[in-house]
């Protein structure tokens, strides 16, 4: 665009050339000036001459203000509903942690009064007043998110700890931990001795309990019955596989009460005492074997008692 300026004072005319960006800049400046003027005029009317507003403008301004307040109320209610939902979720998680903590306390053998998970922790101290600080919903929501993440992390770790404790407890139940008979006394311990039939020095791979015929024989630990039949030397014998290469044997029984493949619990009655096989009288021959090698059963029973 070319603008030609003509003046009586000048001997010649002047020409001004405007490009596209000049025109756009002028349009922006003109629009900004008009908008600023409108805003300034409206502010002046509302601030200094409210009695001069027409009823239509008053209704329009009131409607705009009401709509803005309604939007703020809707946002506030939605934020409060979301926060209430998060609080409910965290309360459920805390109740879950309380129950988990109670179970862990029982697994570890703690006294019930040492950790009372159902009650809030004891707190106290002097009162120190601090200046009030503003707390916006965004800051509160961020803190709740952080706390929720911490609760989830603690819950996962406590569940992992419970799993380890249960595995440890299960492993203890699968170890020979209780005597196979509840009465009687040792007539022959584990180790070298004189064989009662030959009189020569021989290895005795278990312990003998002298008890009356028919006395109940109990599984020293839980496991699966691997053998339950007549053996040429052990007589009527039960062999239980406890896993982890640990096996127990119960020999010279008068009666067998379990079968191969049966799952037995620790302390369950599996046979009755007798004098079958290579035996000089009524007694129970009890063995513990690890990876096929005979172990002293008394050591297992002492560790369980300790």
C-alpha atoms as a PDB file:
ATOM      1  CA  UNK A   1       0.000   0.000   0.000  1.00  0.00           C
ATOM      2  CA  UNK A   2       1.328   3.473  -0.980  1.00  0.00           C
ATOM      3  CA  UNK A   3       0.312   6.646   0.899  1.00  0.00           C
ATOM      4  CA  UNK A   4       1.063  10.026  -0.788  1.00  0.00           C
ATOM      5  CA  UNK A   5       1.261  13.094   1.469  1.00  0.00           C
ATOM      6  CA  UNK A   6       0.580  16.496  -0.148  1.00  0.00           C
ATOM      7  CA  UNK A   7       1.270  19.768   1.729  1.00  0.00           C
ATOM      8  CA  UNK A   8       1.211  23.424   0.722  1.00  0.00           C
ATOM      9  CA  UNK A   9       4.337  24.041   2.744  1.00  0.00           C
ATOM     10  CA  UNK A  10       6.390  21.371   0.963  1.00  0.00           C
ATOM     11  CA  UNK A  11       7.712  21.826  -2.509  1.00  0.00           C
ATOM     12  CA  UNK A  12       7.104  18.202  -3.333  1.00  0.00           C
ATOM     13  CA  UNK A  13       4.957  15.321  -2.206  1.00  0.00           C
ATOM     14  CA  UNK A  14       6.022  12.504   0.144  1.00  0.00           C
ATOM     15  CA  UNK A  15       5.293   8.805  -0.378  1.00  0.00           C
ATOM     16  CA  UNK A  16       5.009   6.213   2.402  1.00  0.00           C
ATOM     17  CA  UNK A  17       5.012   2.537   1.468  1.00  0.00           C
ATOM     18  CA  UNK A  18       3.267   0.079   3.881  1.00  0.00           C
ATOM     19  CA  UNK A  19       3.986  -3.646   3.615  1.00  0.00           C
ATOM     20  CA  UNK A  20       1.735  -6.432   4.862  1.00  0.00           C
ATOM     21  CA  UNK A  21       3.340  -6.638   8.267  1.00  0.00           C
ATOM     22  CA  UNK A  22       2.966  -2.891   8.752  1.00  0.00           C
ATOM     23  CA  UNK A  23      -0.755  -3.174   8.116  1.00  0.00           C
ATOM     24  CA  UNK A  24      -1.046  -6.174  10.481  1.00  0.00           C
ATOM     25  CA  UNK A  25       0.835  -4.307  13.205  1.00  0.00           C
ATOM     26  CA  UNK A  26      -1.456  -1.289  12.836  1.00  0.00           C
ATOM     27  CA  UNK A  27      -4.518  -3.539  13.033  1.00  0.00           C
ATOM     28  CA  UNK A  28      -3.246  -5.188  16.216  1.00  0.00           C
ATOM     29  CA  UNK A  29      -2.466  -1.857  17.815  1.00  0.00           C
ATOM     30  CA  UNK A  30      -5.872  -0.486  16.863  1.00  0.00           C
ATOM     31  CA  UNK A  31      -7.638  -3.566  18.249  1.00  0.00           C
ATOM     32  CA  UNK A  32      -5.640  -3.407  21.486  1.00  0.00           C
ATOM     33  CA  UNK A  33      -6.433   0.259  21.877  1.00  0.00           C
ATOM     34  CA  UNK A  34     -10.141  -0.320  21.361  1.00  0.00           C
ATOM     35  CA  UNK A  35     -10.193  -3.283  23.801  1.00  0.00           C
ATOM     36  CA  UNK A  36      -8.311  -1.322  26.453  1.00  0.00           C
ATOM     37  CA  UNK A  37     -10.645   1.590  26.035  1.00  0.00           C
ATOM     38  CA  UNK A  38     -13.686  -0.658  26.402  1.00  0.00           C
ATOM     39  CA  UNK A  39     -12.317  -2.273  29.541  1.00  0.00           C
ATOM     40  CA  UNK A  40     -11.378   1.063  31.032  1.00  0.00           C
ATOM     41  CA  UNK A  41     -14.817   2.460  30.230  1.00  0.00           C
ATOM     42  CA  UNK A  42     -16.579  -0.550  31.765  1.00  0.00           C
ATOM     43  CA  UNK A  43     -14.449  -0.380  34.912  1.00  0.00           C
ATOM     44  CA  UNK A  44     -15.097   3.331  35.249  1.00  0.00           C
ATOM     45  CA  UNK A  45     -18.834   2.819  34.850  1.00  0.00           C
ATOM     46  CA  UNK A  46     -18.974  -0.014  37.378  1.00  0.00           C
ATOM     47  CA  UNK A  47     -16.562   1.614  39.840  1.00  0.00           C
ATOM     48  CA  UNK A  48     -17.609   5.209  39.801  1.00  0.00           C
ATOM     49  CA  UNK A  49     -21.112   5.281  38.369  1.00  0.00           C
ATOM     50  CA  UNK A  50     -22.946   2.098  39.325  1.00  0.00           C
ATOM     51  CA  UNK A  51     -26.217   4.024  39.573  1.00  0.00           C
ATOM     52  CA  UNK A  52     -25.950   4.844  35.894  1.00  0.00           C
ATOM     53  CA  UNK A  53     -26.062   1.208  34.729  1.00  0.00           C
ATOM     54  CA  UNK A  54     -29.126   0.045  32.955  1.00  0.00           C
ATOM     55  CA  UNK A  55     -31.194  -2.860  34.214  1.00  0.00           C
ATOM     56  CA  UNK A  56     -30.060  -5.053  31.311  1.00  0.00           C
ATOM     57  CA  UNK A  57     -26.382  -4.497  32.134  1.00  0.00           C
ATOM     58  CA  UNK A  58     -27.030  -5.123  35.821  1.00  0.00           C
ATOM     59  CA  UNK A  59     -28.786  -8.417  35.019  1.00  0.00           C
ATOM     60  CA  UNK A  60     -25.979  -9.411  32.642  1.00  0.00           C
ATOM     61  CA  UNK A  61     -23.278  -8.662  35.202  1.00  0.00           C
ATOM     62  CA  UNK A  62     -25.216 -10.488  37.928  1.00  0.00           C
ATOM     63  CA  UNK A  63     -25.652 -13.512  35.654  1.00  0.00           C
ATOM     64  CA  UNK A  64     -21.928 -13.564  34.819  1.00  0.00           C
ATOM     65  CA  UNK A  65     -21.063 -13.357  38.527  1.00  0.00           C
ATOM     66  CA  UNK A  66     -23.582 -16.090  39.420  1.00  0.00           C
ATOM     67  CA  UNK A  67     -22.252 -18.390  36.692  1.00  0.00           C
ATOM     68  CA  UNK A  68     -18.701 -17.908  37.927  1.00  0.00           C
ATOM     69  CA  UNK A  69     -19.695 -18.683  41.515  1.00  0.00           C
ATOM     70  CA  UNK A  70     -21.586 -21.757  40.359  1.00  0.00           C
ATOM     71  CA  UNK A  71     -18.529 -22.995  38.464  1.00  0.00           C
ATOM     72  CA  UNK A  72     -16.390 -22.510  41.552  1.00  0.00           C
ATOM     73  CA  UNK A  73     -18.910 -24.397  43.691  1.00  0.00           C
ATOM     74  CA  UNK A  74     -19.026 -27.283  41.196  1.00  0.00           C
ATOM     75  CA  UNK A  75     -15.222 -27.469  41.111  1.00  0.00           C
ATOM     76  CA  UNK A  76     -15.052 -27.332  44.915  1.00  0.00           C
ATOM     77  CA  UNK A  77     -17.649 -30.097  45.331  1.00  0.00           C
ATOM     78  CA  UNK A  78     -15.950 -32.303  42.759  1.00  0.00           C
ATOM     79  CA  UNK A  79     -12.605 -31.790  44.488  1.00  0.00           C
ATOM     80  CA  UNK A  80     -14.125 -32.622  47.877  1.00  0.00           C
ATOM     81  CA  UNK A  81     -15.803 -35.748  46.453  1.00  0.00           C
ATOM     82  CA  UNK A  82     -12.514 -36.905  44.946  1.00  0.00           C
ATOM     83  CA  UNK A  83     -10.688 -36.268  48.224  1.00  0.00           C
ATOM     84  CA  UNK A  84     -13.400 -38.104  50.193  1.00  0.00           C
ATOM     85  CA  UNK A  85     -12.992 -41.082  47.872  1.00  0.00           C
ATOM     86  CA  UNK A  86      -9.235 -41.058  48.395  1.00  0.00           C
ATOM     87  CA  UNK A  87      -9.705 -40.841  52.170  1.00  0.00           C
ATOM     88  CA  UNK A  88     -12.046 -43.847  52.059  1.00  0.00           C
ATOM     89  CA  UNK A  89      -9.520 -45.824  50.038  1.00  0.00           C
ATOM     90  CA  UNK A  90      -6.723 -44.956  52.456  1.00  0.00           C
ATOM     91  CA  UNK A  91      -8.892 -45.920  55.447  1.00  0.00           C
ATOM     92  CA  UNK A  92      -9.504 -49.314  53.831  1.00  0.00           C
ATOM     93  CA  UNK A  93      -5.771 -49.705  53.197  1.00  0.00           C
ATOM     94  CA  UNK A  94      -4.972 -48.785  56.801  1.00  0.00           C
ATOM     95  CA  UNK A  95      -7.497 -51.340  58.066  1.00  0.00           C
ATOM     96  CA  UNK A  96      -5.839 -53.915  55.832  1.00  0.00           C
ATOM     97  CA  UNK A  97      -2.443 -52.969  57.271  1.00  0.00           C
ATOM     98  CA  UNK A  98      -3.822 -53.281  60.816  1.00  0.00           C
ATOM     99  CA  UNK A  99      -5.028 -56.824  60.114  1.00  0.00           C
ATOM    100  CA  UNK A 100      -1.746 -57.686  58.405  1.00  0.00           C
ATOM    101  CA  UNK A 101       0.242 -56.291  61.346  1.00  0.00           C
ATOM    102  CA  UNK A 102      -1.808 -58.374  63.775  1.00  0.00           C
ATOM    103  CA  UNK A 103      -1.095 -61.533  61.769  1.00  0.00           C
ATOM    104  CA  UNK A 104       2.603 -60.714  61.600  1.00  0.00           C
ATOM    105  CA  UNK A 105       2.698 -60.146  65.361  1.00  0.00           C
ATOM    106  CA  UNK A 106       1.212 -63.586  65.917  1.00  0.00           C
ATOM    107  CA  UNK A 107       3.627 -65.211  63.453  1.00  0.00           C
ATOM    108  CA  UNK A 108       6.643 -63.667  65.174  1.00  0.00           C
ATOM    109  CA  UNK A 109       5.409 -64.584  68.647  1.00  0.00           C
ATOM    110  CA  UNK A 110       5.005 -61.009  69.884  1.00  0.00           C
ATOM    111  CA  UNK A 111       2.752 -60.316  72.833  1.00  0.00           C
ATOM    112  CA  UNK A 112      -0.625 -58.793  71.896  1.00  0.00           C
ATOM    113  CA  UNK A 113      -0.060 -55.735  74.118  1.00  0.00           C
ATOM    114  CA  UNK A 114       3.303 -54.896  72.491  1.00  0.00           C
ATOM    115  CA  UNK A 115       1.805 -53.903  69.145  1.00  0.00           C
ATOM    116  CA  UNK A 116      -1.818 -52.800  69.208  1.00  0.00           C
ATOM    117  CA  UNK A 117      -2.500 -52.122  65.542  1.00  0.00           C
ATOM    118  CA  UNK A 118      -6.178 -51.352  66.080  1.00  0.00           C
ATOM    119  CA  UNK A 119      -5.359 -48.279  68.223  1.00  0.00           C
ATOM    120  CA  UNK A 120      -3.692 -45.014  67.143  1.00  0.00           C
ATOM    121  CA  UNK A 121      -0.060 -44.583  68.228  1.00  0.00           C
ATOM    122  CA  UNK A 122       0.588 -42.658  71.437  1.00  0.00           C
ATOM    123  CA  UNK A 123       1.606 -39.058  70.834  1.00  0.00           C
ATOM    124  CA  UNK A 124       2.358 -35.971  72.940  1.00  0.00           C
ATOM    125  CA  UNK A 125       4.631 -33.018  73.521  1.00  0.00           C
ATOM    126  CA  UNK A 126       4.531 -29.261  74.193  1.00  0.00           C
ATOM    127  CA  UNK A 127       2.232 -27.024  72.170  1.00  0.00           C
ATOM    128  CA  UNK A 128       4.153 -24.845  69.724  1.00  0.00           C
ATOM    129  CA  UNK A 129       2.041 -22.468  67.633  1.00  0.00           C
ATOM    130  CA  UNK A 130       3.233 -21.695  64.124  1.00  0.00           C
ATOM    131  CA  UNK A 131       1.954 -19.057  61.682  1.00  0.00           C
ATOM    132  CA  UNK A 132      -0.993 -20.280  59.643  1.00  0.00           C
ATOM    133  CA  UNK A 133      -0.110 -21.253  56.112  1.00  0.00           C
ATOM    134  CA  UNK A 134      -2.527 -21.507  53.246  1.00  0.00           C
ATOM    135  CA  UNK A 135      -3.413 -25.000  52.092  1.00  0.00           C
ATOM    136  CA  UNK A 136      -4.826 -25.278  48.615  1.00  0.00           C
ATOM    137  CA  UNK A 137      -6.688 -28.288  47.291  1.00  0.00           C
ATOM    138  CA  UNK A 138      -3.851 -28.994  44.855  1.00  0.00           C
ATOM    139  CA  UNK A 139      -1.252 -29.123  47.650  1.00  0.00           C
ATOM    140  CA  UNK A 140      -3.538 -31.299  49.788  1.00  0.00           C
ATOM    141  CA  UNK A 141      -4.167 -33.634  46.859  1.00  0.00           C
ATOM    142  CA  UNK A 142      -0.423 -33.955  46.246  1.00  0.00           C
ATOM    143  CA  UNK A 143       0.181 -34.802  49.911  1.00  0.00           C
ATOM    144  CA  UNK A 144      -2.599 -37.403  49.833  1.00  0.00           C
ATOM    145  CA  UNK A 145      -1.085 -38.955  46.704  1.00  0.00           C
ATOM    146  CA  UNK A 146       2.296 -39.143  48.398  1.00  0.00           C
ATOM    147  CA  UNK A 147       0.788 -40.686  51.529  1.00  0.00           C
ATOM    148  CA  UNK A 148      -1.187 -43.173  49.437  1.00  0.00           C
ATOM    149  CA  UNK A 149       1.989 -44.255  47.634  1.00  0.00           C
ATOM    150  CA  UNK A 150       3.771 -44.704  50.962  1.00  0.00           C
ATOM    151  CA  UNK A 151       0.891 -46.814  52.320  1.00  0.00           C
ATOM    152  CA  UNK A 152       0.914 -49.001  49.203  1.00  0.00           C
ATOM    153  CA  UNK A 153       4.679 -49.460  49.468  1.00  0.00           C
ATOM    154  CA  UNK A 154       4.469 -50.447  53.149  1.00  0.00           C
ATOM    155  CA  UNK A 155       1.610 -52.823  52.383  1.00  0.00           C
ATOM    156  CA  UNK A 156       3.617 -54.593  49.677  1.00  0.00           C
ATOM    157  CA  UNK A 157       6.634 -54.937  51.962  1.00  0.00           C
ATOM    158  CA  UNK A 158       4.560 -56.265  54.865  1.00  0.00           C
ATOM    159  CA  UNK A 159       2.881 -58.792  52.578  1.00  0.00           C
ATOM    160  CA  UNK A 160       6.302 -59.961  51.377  1.00  0.00           C
ATOM    161  CA  UNK A 161       7.427 -60.263  55.013  1.00  0.00           C
ATOM    162  CA  UNK A 162       4.290 -62.267  55.851  1.00  0.00           C
ATOM    163  CA  UNK A 163       5.028 -64.622  52.941  1.00  0.00           C
ATOM    164  CA  UNK A 164       8.584 -65.187  54.198  1.00  0.00           C
ATOM    165  CA  UNK A 165       7.361 -65.816  57.739  1.00  0.00           C
ATOM    166  CA  UNK A 166       4.733 -68.273  56.523  1.00  0.00           C
ATOM    167  CA  UNK A 167       7.347 -70.087  54.447  1.00  0.00           C
ATOM    168  CA  UNK A 168       9.652 -70.228  57.463  1.00  0.00           C
ATOM    169  CA  UNK A 169       6.830 -71.508  59.646  1.00  0.00           C
ATOM    170  CA  UNK A 170       5.909 -74.097  57.028  1.00  0.00           C
ATOM    171  CA  UNK A 171       9.535 -75.211  56.796  1.00  0.00           C
ATOM    172  CA  UNK A 172       9.630 -75.712  60.557  1.00  0.00           C
ATOM    173  CA  UNK A 173       6.490 -77.812  60.374  1.00  0.00           C
ATOM    174  CA  UNK A 174       8.166 -80.009  57.754  1.00  0.00           C
ATOM    175  CA  UNK A 175      11.177 -80.657  60.006  1.00  0.00           C
ATOM    176  CA  UNK A 176      11.087 -83.545  62.536  1.00  0.00           C
ATOM    177  CA  UNK A 177      10.180 -81.520  65.589  1.00  0.00           C
ATOM    178  CA  UNK A 178       8.104 -83.657  67.969  1.00  0.00           C
ATOM    179  CA  UNK A 179       8.872 -87.082  69.475  1.00  0.00           C
ATOM    180  CA  UNK A 180       7.081 -89.915  67.650  1.00  0.00           C
ATOM    181  CA  UNK A 181       5.816 -91.363  70.962  1.00  0.00           C
ATOM    182  CA  UNK A 182       4.648 -89.420  73.994  1.00  0.00           C
ATOM    183  CA  UNK A 183       5.794 -91.949  76.598  1.00  0.00           C
ATOM    184  CA  UNK A 184       8.773 -94.269  76.991  1.00  0.00           C
ATOM    185  CA  UNK A 185      12.515 -93.880  77.273  1.00  0.00           C
ATOM    186  CA  UNK A 186      15.610 -94.390  75.134  1.00  0.00           C
ATOM    187  CA  UNK A 187      16.937 -97.935  75.230  1.00  0.00           C
ATOM    188  CA  UNK A 188      19.523 -97.325  72.539  1.00  0.00           C
ATOM    189  CA  UNK A 189      20.823 -94.017  71.254  1.00  0.00           C
ATOM    190  CA  UNK A 190      22.213 -93.007  67.869  1.00  0.00           C
ATOM    191  CA  UNK A 191      25.793 -94.151  67.199  1.00  0.00           C
ATOM    192  CA  UNK A 192      28.045 -97.158  67.584  1.00  0.00           C
ATOM    193  CA  UNK A 193      26.883 -99.994  69.858  1.00  0.00           C
ATOM    194  CA  UNK A 194      27.083-103.760  70.301  1.00  0.00           C
ATOM    195  CA  UNK A 195      24.587-105.446  68.007  1.00  0.00           C
ATOM    196  CA  UNK A 196      22.011-107.361  70.156  1.00  0.00           C
ATOM    197  CA  UNK A 197      22.014-110.341  67.758  1.00  0.00           C
ATOM    198  CA  UNK A 198      25.695-110.712  66.798  1.00  0.00           C
ATOM    199  CA  UNK A 199      27.441-108.964  69.723  1.00  0.00           C
ATOM    200  CA  UNK A 200      29.750-107.129  67.316  1.00  0.00           C
ATOM    201  CA  UNK A 201      30.300-103.388  67.089  1.00  0.00           C
ATOM    202  CA  UNK A 202      27.712-101.915  64.683  1.00  0.00           C
ATOM    203  CA  UNK A 203      26.277 -98.544  63.773  1.00  0.00           C
ATOM    204  CA  UNK A 204      22.806 -97.819  65.141  1.00  0.00           C
ATOM    205  CA  UNK A 205      21.257 -95.260  62.755  1.00  0.00           C
ATOM    206  CA  UNK A 206      18.369 -94.148  64.962  1.00  0.00           C
ATOM    207  CA  UNK A 207      17.016 -94.113  68.497  1.00  0.00           C
ATOM    208  CA  UNK A 208      14.892 -96.790  70.191  1.00  0.00           C
ATOM    209  CA  UNK A 209      11.911 -95.925  72.407  1.00  0.00           C
ATOM    210  CA  UNK A 210      10.908 -98.732  74.798  1.00  0.00           C
ATOM    211  CA  UNK A 211       7.086 -98.628  75.062  1.00  0.00           C
ATOM    212  CA  UNK A 212       4.254-101.112  75.302  1.00  0.00           C
ATOM    213  CA  UNK A 213       2.776-102.826  72.285  1.00  0.00           C
ATOM    214  CA  UNK A 214      -0.039-100.828  70.686  1.00  0.00           C
ATOM    215  CA  UNK A 215       1.306 -97.446  71.806  1.00  0.00           C
ATOM    216  CA  UNK A 216       0.388 -94.812  69.166  1.00  0.00           C
ATOM    217  CA  UNK A 217       3.181 -93.671  66.836  1.00  0.00           C
ATOM    218  CA  UNK A 218       2.857 -90.077  65.594  1.00  0.00           C
ATOM    219  CA  UNK A 219       4.435 -88.383  62.598  1.00  0.00           C
ATOM    220  CA  UNK A 220       7.305 -86.204  63.804  1.00  0.00           C
ATOM    221  CA  UNK A 221       6.598 -83.736  60.962  1.00  0.00           C
ATOM    222  CA  UNK A 222       4.199 -83.272  58.076  1.00  0.00           C
ATOM    223  CA  UNK A 223       4.904 -84.939  54.750  1.00  0.00           C
ATOM    224  CA  UNK A 224       3.953 -87.656  52.268  1.00  0.00           C
ATOM    225  CA  UNK A 225       4.112 -91.378  53.044  1.00  0.00           C
ATOM    226  CA  UNK A 226       6.790 -92.903  50.797  1.00  0.00           C
ATOM    227  CA  UNK A 227       6.772 -96.460  52.263  1.00  0.00           C
ATOM    228  CA  UNK A 228       4.236 -98.320  54.407  1.00  0.00           C
ATOM    229  CA  UNK A 229       4.773-102.063  54.357  1.00  0.00           C
ATOM    230  CA  UNK A 230       6.753-104.992  55.795  1.00  0.00           C
ATOM    231  CA  UNK A 231      10.539-104.681  55.574  1.00  0.00           C
ATOM    232  CA  UNK A 232      12.890-107.679  56.149  1.00  0.00           C
ATOM    233  CA  UNK A 233      14.850-105.879  58.894  1.00  0.00           C
ATOM    234  CA  UNK A 234      12.681-102.940  59.949  1.00  0.00           C
ATOM    235  CA  UNK A 235       9.519-105.060  60.124  1.00  0.00           C
ATOM    236  CA  UNK A 236       6.333-103.044  59.615  1.00  0.00           C
ATOM    237  CA  UNK A 237       7.737 -99.647  58.730  1.00  0.00           C
ATOM    238  CA  UNK A 238       6.452 -96.233  57.710  1.00  0.00           C
ATOM    239  CA  UNK A 239       8.731 -93.854  55.819  1.00  0.00           C
ATOM    240  CA  UNK A 240       7.641 -90.224  55.402  1.00  0.00           C
ATOM    241  CA  UNK A 241       9.181 -87.802  52.904  1.00  0.00           C
ATOM    242  CA  UNK A 242       9.173 -84.250  54.303  1.00  0.00           C
ATOM    243  CA  UNK A 243      10.745 -82.559  51.291  1.00  0.00           C
ATOM    244  CA  UNK A 244      14.154 -80.893  51.104  1.00  0.00           C
ATOM    245  CA  UNK A 245      15.737 -84.406  51.107  1.00  0.00           C
ATOM    246  CA  UNK A 246      14.542 -85.103  54.684  1.00  0.00           C
ATOM    247  CA  UNK A 247      12.989 -88.514  55.475  1.00  0.00           C
ATOM    248  CA  UNK A 248      11.878 -90.118  58.756  1.00  0.00           C
ATOM    249  CA  UNK A 249      11.426 -93.845  59.447  1.00  0.00           C
ATOM    250  CA  UNK A 250       9.224 -95.550  62.063  1.00  0.00           C
ATOM    251  CA  UNK A 251      10.072 -99.266  62.372  1.00  0.00           C
ATOM    252  CA  UNK A 252       9.000-102.521  64.096  1.00  0.00           C
ATOM    253  CA  UNK A 253       5.324-101.455  64.265  1.00  0.00           C
ATOM    254  CA  UNK A 254       2.587-103.955  65.053  1.00  0.00           C
ATOM    255  CA  UNK A 255       0.034-102.122  62.892  1.00  0.00           C
ATOM    256  CA  UNK A 256       0.266 -99.591  60.059  1.00  0.00           C
ATOM    257  CA  UNK A 257      -2.442 -96.929  59.753  1.00  0.00           C
ATOM    258  CA  UNK A 258      -1.339 -95.061  56.609  1.00  0.00           C
ATOM    259  CA  UNK A 259      -0.721 -95.919  52.959  1.00  0.00           C
ATOM    260  CA  UNK A 260       1.798 -94.831  50.336  1.00  0.00           C
ATOM    261  CA  UNK A 261       1.031 -91.416  48.858  1.00  0.00           C
ATOM    262  CA  UNK A 262      -1.014 -90.271  51.832  1.00  0.00           C
ATOM    263  CA  UNK A 263      -0.370 -86.769  53.152  1.00  0.00           C
ATOM    264  CA  UNK A 264       0.061 -86.700  56.936  1.00  0.00           C
ATOM    265  CA  UNK A 265       0.230 -83.804  59.368  1.00  0.00           C
ATOM    266  CA  UNK A 266       2.702 -83.341  62.165  1.00  0.00           C
ATOM    267  CA  UNK A 267       1.483 -85.272  65.207  1.00  0.00           C
ATOM    268  CA  UNK A 268      -0.927 -87.446  63.236  1.00  0.00           C
ATOM    269  CA  UNK A 269      -1.165 -91.108  64.309  1.00  0.00           C
ATOM    270  CA  UNK A 270       0.448 -93.308  61.635  1.00  0.00           C
ATOM    271  CA  UNK A 271       1.085 -96.697  63.321  1.00  0.00           C
ATOM    272  CA  UNK A 272       1.211 -98.636  66.598  1.00  0.00           C
ATOM    273  CA  UNK A 273       4.280 -99.944  68.434  1.00  0.00           C
ATOM    274  CA  UNK A 274       5.189-103.635  68.080  1.00  0.00           C
ATOM    275  CA  UNK A 275       8.138-106.004  67.697  1.00  0.00           C
ATOM    276  CA  UNK A 276       8.224-106.994  64.025  1.00  0.00           C
ATOM    277  CA  UNK A 277      11.322-107.506  61.929  1.00  0.00           C
ATOM    278  CA  UNK A 278      14.779-107.589  63.474  1.00  0.00           C
ATOM    279  CA  UNK A 279      13.699-106.783  67.029  1.00  0.00           C
ATOM    280  CA  UNK A 280      14.210-108.231  70.509  1.00  0.00           C
ATOM    281  CA  UNK A 281      11.026-106.771  72.027  1.00  0.00           C
ATOM    282  CA  UNK A 282       8.346-104.094  71.825  1.00  0.00           C
ATOM    283  CA  UNK A 283       9.897-100.777  70.926  1.00  0.00           C
ATOM    284  CA  UNK A 284       9.949 -98.058  68.229  1.00  0.00           C
ATOM    285  CA  UNK A 285      13.030 -97.542  66.087  1.00  0.00           C
ATOM    286  CA  UNK A 286      13.011 -93.918  64.861  1.00  0.00           C
ATOM    287  CA  UNK A 287      15.354 -92.559  62.162  1.00  0.00           C
ATOM    288  CA  UNK A 288      15.955 -89.191  60.506  1.00  0.00           C
ATOM    289  CA  UNK A 289      17.781 -89.168  57.161  1.00  0.00           C
ATOM    290  CA  UNK A 290      19.077 -86.255  55.128  1.00  0.00           C
ATOM    291  CA  UNK A 291      20.043 -86.955  51.506  1.00  0.00           C
ATOM    292  CA  UNK A 292      20.109 -90.652  52.366  1.00  0.00           C
ATOM    293  CA  UNK A 293      22.500 -90.321  55.318  1.00  0.00           C
ATOM    294  CA  UNK A 294      21.341 -91.123  58.844  1.00  0.00           C
ATOM    295  CA  UNK A 295      21.252 -88.175  61.271  1.00  0.00           C
ATOM    296  CA  UNK A 296      20.923 -88.109  65.044  1.00  0.00           C
ATOM    297  CA  UNK A 297      17.158 -87.581  65.638  1.00  0.00           C
ATOM    298  CA  UNK A 298      17.802 -86.127  69.103  1.00  0.00           C
ATOM    299  CA  UNK A 299      19.460 -83.068  67.553  1.00  0.00           C
ATOM    300  CA  UNK A 300      16.324 -82.258  65.545  1.00  0.00           C
ATOM    301  CA  UNK A 301      14.105 -82.658  68.576  1.00  0.00           C
ATOM    302  CA  UNK A 302      16.403 -80.496  70.740  1.00  0.00           C
ATOM    303  CA  UNK A 303      16.420 -77.680  68.145  1.00  0.00           C
ATOM    304  CA  UNK A 304      12.637 -77.810  67.942  1.00  0.00           C
ATOM    305  CA  UNK A 305      12.360 -77.673  71.718  1.00  0.00           C
ATOM    306  CA  UNK A 306      14.776 -74.744  71.870  1.00  0.00           C
END
